[in-house]
Each structure stands twice: as C-alpha cells, then as structure tokens.
Amino acid sequence: MGQVHGVSPETRLTAAGAQQIARLMAGLGTASRVLILGRLREGPCSVGDLCVAVEMAQSAVSQQLRVLRDLNLVVGARRGRQTVYRLYDPHVSVLLDEALRHIEHLRAGAPEPRAPIPIIDDQAMTGAA
C-alpha cells in the first residue's frame, strides 16, 4: 500500500498515538455516528437530509455531528440558512471501508478465535477509578 502521511507498516505506535486512536475509535463507538458517516460517505448532506437518511430527530443528529466535528471526522459549511456536512477528508471514508472489509471477511468464514479476547480498559490497567 505504500507510505501515506509518514505512516507505513513499520511505523511504531506511541502512547500518544494510541490515545488519539482510542479517542477516534470511541467516537465511532455509536451506531448513529457511523450511520451519519456512512451517509456522508455518499456525498455532502444537509442536517435535514441527514435526519431523514438516518431516521433520527434533528436534535440527535446535531448532537452526534458535534462529536464528529470535534474528532475532525466531518466538517460543515453554511449555505444560506442550512449547514451542509461532508467527511473531513478521504481518510474517513477509508476507515469505514476497512471496517466494512473486516466485517465481510469475518462473514465469509474467517476463523473465530478459540476463546474470546477480554477487553481491558485503561482505568482497570492503571487502577484508576
């Protein structure tokens, strides 16, 4: 695949990078946000059109868009009285594409792990409450 933005398979993951990735992944941890990103992957969209596309109330869509903006996953531009949103850049679409490829890979019969891998959060590891 080559090197993009200084990232290659040899790029080490630092603690700061891990924190940033965890924050990004947490932002994708809500199906409604992923649905919004999925619709924006098709092209720019107004808030009203997003509401229809993802079958959510305007206030809920606006709240999710705030989170997605804070994570630099979407950007909005005013057009008259409307704000039209789009994906921040093509990398966001690649994130969604790769997640879909992984899901399809698993559906196609990728072997399951022998035992579930436990999920340990950072607070449990550090003893923080």
Protein backbone atom coordinates (compact mmCIF):
# COMPACT_ATOMS: atom_id res chain seq x y z
CA MET A 1 0.00 0.00 0.00
CA GLY A 2 2.92 2.32 0.45
CA GLN A 3 3.53 5.11 2.83
CA VAL A 4 0.88 7.78 3.37
CA HIS A 5 1.47 10.82 5.59
CA GLY A 6 4.58 9.20 7.00
CA VAL A 7 2.72 6.05 8.08
CA SER A 8 3.84 2.61 6.97
CA PRO A 9 3.61 -0.89 8.43
CA GLU A 10 6.91 -0.13 10.20
CA THR A 11 5.56 2.98 11.94
CA ARG A 12 5.67 2.43 15.71
CA LEU A 13 2.57 3.17 17.70
CA THR A 14 3.40 5.55 20.55
CA ALA A 15 1.43 6.04 23.76
CA ALA A 16 0.21 9.42 22.46
CA GLY A 17 -0.81 7.85 19.16
CA ALA A 18 -2.64 5.08 21.00
CA GLN A 19 -4.57 7.69 22.99
CA GLN A 20 -5.55 9.51 19.80
CA ILE A 21 -6.65 6.29 18.10
CA ALA A 22 -8.64 5.26 21.18
CA ARG A 23 -10.41 8.64 21.18
CA LEU A 24 -11.20 8.28 17.48
CA MET A 25 -12.46 4.73 17.90
CA ALA A 26 -14.61 5.76 20.85
CA GLY A 27 -16.16 8.36 18.57
CA LEU A 28 -17.04 5.56 16.16
CA GLY A 29 -18.47 3.51 19.02
CA THR A 30 -22.04 4.70 18.45
CA ALA A 31 -24.06 3.22 15.60
CA SER A 32 -25.82 6.54 14.96
CA ARG A 33 -22.48 8.28 14.33
CA VAL A 34 -21.38 5.52 11.99
CA LEU A 35 -24.70 5.79 10.11
CA ILE A 36 -24.16 9.55 9.73
CA LEU A 37 -20.64 8.96 8.44
CA GLY A 38 -21.97 6.28 6.11
CA ARG A 39 -24.48 8.71 4.62
CA LEU A 40 -21.82 11.43 4.27
CA ARG A 41 -19.58 8.88 2.56
CA GLU A 42 -22.11 9.08 -0.30
CA GLY A 43 -21.67 12.87 -0.52
CA PRO A 44 -22.36 16.15 1.29
CA CYS A 45 -25.69 16.44 3.05
CA SER A 46 -27.73 18.98 5.00
CA VAL A 47 -28.78 18.28 8.57
CA GLY A 48 -32.39 17.88 7.48
CA ASP A 49 -31.46 15.34 4.83
CA LEU A 50 -29.26 13.52 7.34
CA CYS A 51 -32.22 13.27 9.72
CA VAL A 52 -34.28 11.57 7.03
CA ALA A 53 -31.42 9.31 5.91
CA VAL A 54 -30.56 8.02 9.39
CA GLU A 55 -34.12 8.25 10.78
CA MET A 56 -33.19 10.42 13.76
CA ALA A 57 -34.50 13.65 15.23
CA GLN A 58 -32.73 16.87 14.30
CA SER A 59 -31.51 17.45 17.85
CA ALA A 60 -29.98 13.96 18.00
CA VAL A 61 -28.27 14.37 14.61
CA SER A 62 -26.92 17.77 15.64
CA GLN A 63 -25.53 16.31 18.87
CA GLN A 64 -23.79 13.49 17.00
CA LEU A 65 -22.43 15.92 14.41
CA ARG A 66 -20.88 17.98 17.23
CA VAL A 67 -18.95 14.91 18.38
CA LEU A 68 -17.91 14.05 14.83
CA ARG A 69 -16.74 17.63 14.22
CA ASP A 70 -14.71 17.60 17.45
CA LEU A 71 -12.98 14.43 16.22
CA ASN A 72 -12.29 16.02 12.80
CA LEU A 73 -14.35 13.36 11.07
CA VAL A 74 -16.80 15.83 9.47
CA VAL A 75 -16.86 19.49 8.51
CA GLY A 76 -19.82 21.77 7.93
CA ALA A 77 -20.24 24.75 5.65
CA ARG A 78 -23.07 27.25 5.77
CA ARG A 79 -25.18 27.51 2.63
CA GLY A 80 -27.77 30.15 3.27
CA ARG A 81 -29.79 29.02 6.26
CA GLN A 82 -28.53 25.45 6.11
CA THR A 83 -25.32 23.78 7.15
CA VAL A 84 -24.12 21.14 4.74
CA TYR A 85 -21.81 18.48 6.15
CA ARG A 86 -19.21 16.32 4.45
CA LEU A 87 -16.49 13.94 5.54
CA TYR A 88 -13.38 15.75 6.77
CA ASP A 89 -11.22 14.06 4.15
CA PRO A 90 -10.93 10.78 2.19
CA HIS A 91 -9.26 9.04 5.16
CA VAL A 92 -12.62 8.91 6.94
CA SER A 93 -14.11 7.00 4.04
CA VAL A 94 -11.12 4.64 4.11
CA LEU A 95 -11.77 3.97 7.83
CA LEU A 96 -15.36 2.99 7.04
CA ASP A 97 -14.29 0.93 4.01
CA GLU A 98 -11.72 -1.01 6.04
CA ALA A 99 -14.22 -1.68 8.84
CA LEU A 100 -16.69 -3.00 6.26
CA ARG A 101 -13.99 -5.15 4.66
CA HIS A 102 -13.16 -6.62 8.06
CA ILE A 103 -16.81 -7.40 8.76
CA GLU A 104 -17.23 -9.03 5.33
CA HIS A 105 -14.02 -11.00 5.92
CA LEU A 106 -15.48 -12.36 9.16
CA ARG A 107 -18.82 -13.12 7.50
CA ALA A 108 -17.01 -15.01 4.75
CA GLY A 109 -15.78 -17.51 7.27
CA ALA A 110 -12.61 -16.18 8.80
CA PRO A 111 -11.72 -18.46 11.69
CA GLU A 112 -13.03 -17.37 15.07
CA PRO A 113 -10.56 -17.01 17.94
CA ARG A 114 -10.58 -20.05 20.19
CA ALA A 115 -11.58 -18.03 23.23
CA PRO A 116 -12.98 -14.52 23.49
CA ILE A 117 -10.28 -11.92 23.92
CA PRO A 118 -11.00 -9.97 27.12
CA ILE A 119 -11.43 -6.24 26.77
CA ILE A 120 -9.50 -4.35 29.41
CA ASP A 121 -9.99 -0.62 29.73
CA ASP A 122 -7.23 1.82 30.61
CA GLN A 123 -8.72 2.55 34.04
CA ALA A 124 -8.59 -1.11 35.01
CA MET A 125 -4.98 -1.32 33.89
CA THR A 126 -3.87 1.74 35.80
CA GLY A 127 -6.04 1.16 38.87
CA ALA A 128 -7.85 4.48 38.32
CA ALA A 129 -11.46 4.74 39.35
